[in-house]
Amino acid sequence: MAKRTVTVGSKVGLHARPAALIAEAAGEYDDEILLSVAGDDPVDASSAMMIMTLGADCGTEVTVESDNEEAVAQIADMISADLDA
């Protein structure tokens, strides 16, 4: 399983807009993609609501996991970008 830990780049964290963009991108893959923050259970990256339950603010480290390395790279890059810019 591919795994990458990145820091949330959006100034307001993974709220509705960034979560929706990430969920939409994750939904394009057939593989399961999971997101997690330290100490919490992983959530499905294709669900904006589940992403928002992470409570990930700007600067929070989020781990992206999947059997699909390309998916991990894309979603990790999105999380580390400022999706509100």
Protein backbone atom coordinates (compact mmCIF):
# COMPACT_ATOMS: atom_id res chain seq x y z
CA MET A 1 0.00 0.00 0.00
CA ALA A 2 1.34 3.43 -0.96
CA LYS A 3 1.36 6.04 1.79
CA ARG A 4 2.32 9.70 1.98
CA THR A 5 1.99 12.22 4.81
CA VAL A 6 1.53 15.88 3.89
CA THR A 7 0.66 19.15 5.60
CA VAL A 8 -2.67 20.84 4.87
CA GLY A 9 -1.97 23.90 2.74
CA SER A 10 -5.40 25.57 2.61
CA LYS A 11 -5.42 28.51 5.01
CA VAL A 12 -8.78 27.51 6.47
CA GLY A 13 -8.09 23.77 6.48
CA LEU A 14 -10.09 21.02 4.84
CA HIS A 15 -13.48 22.68 5.05
CA ALA A 16 -16.30 22.30 2.48
CA ARG A 17 -14.65 23.60 -0.71
CA PRO A 18 -11.27 21.83 -0.42
CA ALA A 19 -12.99 18.67 0.84
CA ALA A 20 -15.36 18.67 -2.14
CA LEU A 21 -12.48 19.11 -4.62
CA ILE A 22 -10.49 16.31 -3.01
CA ALA A 23 -13.53 13.99 -2.86
CA GLU A 24 -14.29 14.64 -6.51
CA ALA A 25 -10.71 13.79 -7.52
CA ALA A 26 -10.67 10.68 -5.31
CA GLY A 27 -13.95 9.55 -6.84
CA GLU A 28 -12.27 9.34 -10.24
CA TYR A 29 -10.26 6.33 -9.06
CA ASP A 30 -11.59 2.80 -8.67
CA ASP A 31 -9.21 2.18 -5.78
CA GLU A 32 -10.03 2.96 -2.16
CA ILE A 33 -8.20 6.06 -0.92
CA LEU A 34 -8.01 6.70 2.80
CA LEU A 35 -7.12 9.87 4.72
CA SER A 36 -6.15 10.04 8.37
CA VAL A 37 -4.74 12.35 11.00
CA ALA A 38 -2.69 11.07 13.94
CA GLY A 39 -4.80 9.27 16.51
CA ASP A 40 -7.96 8.99 14.40
CA ASP A 41 -9.39 6.26 12.20
CA PRO A 42 -8.95 6.71 8.44
CA VAL A 43 -11.82 8.08 6.36
CA ASP A 44 -12.85 7.58 2.73
CA ALA A 45 -11.31 10.32 0.57
CA SER A 46 -14.20 10.16 -1.91
CA SER A 47 -16.59 11.58 0.72
CA ALA A 48 -16.41 15.34 1.38
CA MET A 49 -18.39 14.87 4.60
CA MET A 50 -15.93 12.27 5.88
CA ILE A 51 -12.97 14.49 4.97
CA MET A 52 -14.47 17.34 6.99
CA THR A 53 -14.79 15.06 10.04
CA LEU A 54 -10.98 14.94 10.18
CA GLY A 55 -11.02 18.51 11.52
CA ALA A 56 -7.77 19.15 9.63
CA ASP A 57 -6.74 22.80 9.92
CA CYS A 58 -3.94 24.51 8.01
CA GLY A 59 -0.68 22.91 9.12
CA THR A 60 -2.26 19.60 10.18
CA GLU A 61 -0.48 16.49 8.92
CA VAL A 62 -2.71 14.16 6.91
CA THR A 63 -1.72 10.69 5.72
CA VAL A 64 -2.99 9.49 2.35
CA GLU A 65 -3.07 5.72 1.70
CA SER A 66 -4.11 3.59 -1.27
CA ASP A 67 -2.98 0.66 -3.37
CA ASN A 68 -2.83 3.16 -6.25
CA GLU A 69 0.40 5.20 -6.07
CA GLU A 70 -0.86 7.71 -8.65
CA ALA A 71 -3.96 8.36 -6.54
CA VAL A 72 -1.87 8.88 -3.41
CA ALA A 73 0.34 11.38 -5.24
CA GLN A 74 -2.58 13.36 -6.69
CA ILE A 75 -4.60 13.54 -3.47
CA ALA A 76 -1.53 14.32 -1.35
CA ASP A 77 -0.59 17.15 -3.72
CA MET A 78 -4.12 18.55 -3.48
CA ILE A 79 -4.09 18.45 0.33
CA SER A 80 -0.78 20.28 0.49
CA ALA A 81 -1.95 22.99 -1.97
CA ASP A 82 -3.97 26.06 -1.04
CA LEU A 83 -7.26 24.99 -2.66
CA ASP A 84 -8.88 28.28 -1.64
CA ALA A 85 -6.48 30.38 -3.71
